[in-house]
């Protein structure tokens, strides 16, 4: 009788767990935090306070702003720029999908009306 009850409990637990389907791996916000460099010399730094800086390869040009993360996407809004870069207007929010695996960040544009940012953001980055 006791073993029959254990079998029933095990079967119920197995059915409940297996019915949830495959788990989707979503990168955590913490995975994005840090410095990431693209081969072309562009470096993104995402900070824990939801701010970011993009430094272009010339070492003099940068853009700073704020970001939010929802699931596997981040939304960015530029706030200031130095050097030859121009900050995108605040109403031109950029939405990008991202994945992090080991020391590699892959960024893909979802929507970004700012052509300058959309031209440099997508691609593969390596954690510094």
Protein backbone atom coordinates (compact mmCIF):
# COMPACT_ATOMS: atom_id res chain seq x y z
CA UNK A 1 0.00 0.00 0.00
CA UNK A 2 2.81 2.37 0.92
CA UNK A 3 4.71 1.63 -2.29
CA UNK A 4 1.55 2.18 -4.35
CA UNK A 5 1.17 5.62 -2.77
CA UNK A 6 4.85 6.43 -3.51
CA UNK A 7 4.38 5.39 -7.13
CA UNK A 8 1.30 7.60 -7.40
CA UNK A 9 3.17 10.58 -5.89
CA UNK A 10 6.16 10.04 -8.17
CA UNK A 11 3.93 9.75 -11.24
CA UNK A 12 2.03 12.92 -10.33
CA UNK A 13 5.26 14.86 -9.78
CA UNK A 14 6.72 13.57 -13.06
CA UNK A 15 3.58 14.55 -15.01
CA UNK A 16 3.54 18.04 -13.49
CA UNK A 17 7.21 18.67 -14.18
CA UNK A 18 7.24 17.26 -17.69
CA UNK A 19 4.11 19.17 -18.74
CA UNK A 20 5.88 22.50 -18.33
CA UNK A 21 7.64 22.04 -21.66
CA UNK A 22 11.18 22.96 -22.56
CA UNK A 23 12.78 25.74 -20.59
CA UNK A 24 13.66 28.86 -22.50
CA UNK A 25 16.99 30.35 -21.60
CA UNK A 26 16.66 34.10 -21.16
CA UNK A 27 19.78 36.09 -20.41
CA UNK A 28 19.72 37.79 -17.04
CA UNK A 29 20.22 41.53 -16.73
CA UNK A 30 23.41 40.80 -14.79
CA UNK A 31 24.81 39.00 -17.86
CA UNK A 32 24.82 42.27 -19.80
CA UNK A 33 26.67 44.33 -17.18
CA UNK A 34 30.30 45.01 -18.03
CA UNK A 35 32.46 46.14 -20.95
CA UNK A 36 32.00 44.59 -24.38
CA UNK A 37 34.22 45.22 -27.39
CA UNK A 38 33.46 44.76 -31.06
CA UNK A 39 36.23 43.98 -33.56
CA UNK A 40 35.81 47.40 -35.17
CA UNK A 41 36.88 49.02 -31.88
CA UNK A 42 33.44 49.99 -30.59
CA UNK A 43 33.12 49.37 -26.83
CA UNK A 44 29.84 49.26 -24.92
CA UNK A 45 29.80 49.47 -21.15
CA UNK A 46 26.56 48.54 -19.40
CA UNK A 47 26.44 49.47 -15.70
CA UNK A 48 24.30 48.08 -12.88
CA UNK A 49 22.62 51.50 -12.45
CA UNK A 50 21.01 51.09 -15.92
CA UNK A 51 23.33 53.54 -17.67
CA UNK A 52 25.58 52.82 -20.63
CA UNK A 53 28.42 54.37 -22.57
CA UNK A 54 29.46 53.59 -26.12
CA UNK A 55 33.04 54.51 -27.03
CA UNK A 56 33.95 54.48 -30.69
CA UNK A 57 37.32 53.29 -31.94
CA UNK A 58 38.90 56.76 -32.08
CA UNK A 59 38.96 56.98 -28.27
CA UNK A 60 37.42 60.48 -28.33
CA UNK A 61 33.85 59.86 -29.39
CA UNK A 62 31.27 58.49 -27.01
CA UNK A 63 27.55 58.38 -26.36
CA UNK A 64 25.93 57.87 -22.95
CA UNK A 65 22.39 57.05 -21.96
CA UNK A 66 20.02 54.81 -20.04
CA UNK A 67 18.79 51.29 -20.72
CA UNK A 68 16.08 48.93 -19.51
CA UNK A 69 15.89 45.17 -19.93
CA UNK A 70 12.79 43.06 -20.56
CA UNK A 71 13.40 39.34 -21.06
CA UNK A 72 16.09 39.04 -23.75
CA UNK A 73 15.79 42.61 -25.06
CA UNK A 74 17.25 45.91 -23.98
CA UNK A 75 15.88 49.34 -24.81
CA UNK A 76 18.30 52.26 -24.96
CA UNK A 77 17.84 56.01 -24.92
CA UNK A 78 20.80 58.30 -25.59
CA UNK A 79 21.31 61.25 -23.25
CA UNK A 80 24.60 62.88 -24.25
CA UNK A 81 27.47 62.64 -26.71
CA UNK A 82 31.07 63.80 -27.01
CA UNK A 83 33.43 64.15 -29.94
CA UNK A 84 31.98 63.73 -33.40
CA UNK A 85 29.06 61.59 -32.24
CA UNK A 86 25.57 62.94 -31.90
CA UNK A 87 23.12 61.58 -29.37
CA UNK A 88 19.94 60.21 -30.89
CA UNK A 89 16.80 62.14 -29.88
CA UNK A 90 15.13 60.73 -26.74
CA UNK A 91 12.01 59.73 -28.69
CA UNK A 92 14.18 57.47 -30.87
CA UNK A 93 14.46 54.51 -28.52
CA UNK A 94 16.50 51.57 -29.72
CA UNK A 95 15.27 48.04 -28.99
CA UNK A 96 17.76 45.21 -29.35
CA UNK A 97 17.65 41.48 -28.71
CA UNK A 98 20.69 40.04 -26.95
CA UNK A 99 22.21 36.72 -26.02
CA UNK A 100 25.21 36.10 -23.80
CA UNK A 101 27.22 32.90 -24.01
CA UNK A 102 30.48 32.60 -22.14
CA UNK A 103 32.34 35.82 -23.04
CA UNK A 104 30.34 36.60 -26.17
CA UNK A 105 27.48 39.08 -26.49
CA UNK A 106 25.36 38.91 -29.65
CA UNK A 107 23.21 41.99 -30.34
CA UNK A 108 20.46 42.07 -32.99
CA UNK A 109 18.31 45.09 -33.84
CA UNK A 110 14.58 44.70 -33.21
CA UNK A 111 13.72 48.34 -33.95
CA UNK A 112 15.76 51.51 -33.85
CA UNK A 113 14.84 54.61 -35.88
CA UNK A 114 18.25 56.17 -35.12
CA UNK A 115 20.31 55.15 -38.15
CA UNK A 116 23.65 56.08 -36.58
CA UNK A 117 23.15 53.85 -33.54
CA UNK A 118 21.48 51.12 -35.59
CA UNK A 119 24.57 51.08 -37.78
CA UNK A 120 27.01 50.35 -34.94
CA UNK A 121 25.06 48.48 -32.23
CA UNK A 122 24.25 45.11 -33.86
CA UNK A 123 26.98 42.50 -33.94
CA UNK A 124 29.17 40.24 -31.88
CA UNK A 125 31.07 41.56 -28.86
CA UNK A 126 33.66 40.04 -26.53
CA UNK A 127 33.71 40.75 -22.79
CA UNK A 128 36.76 42.80 -21.78
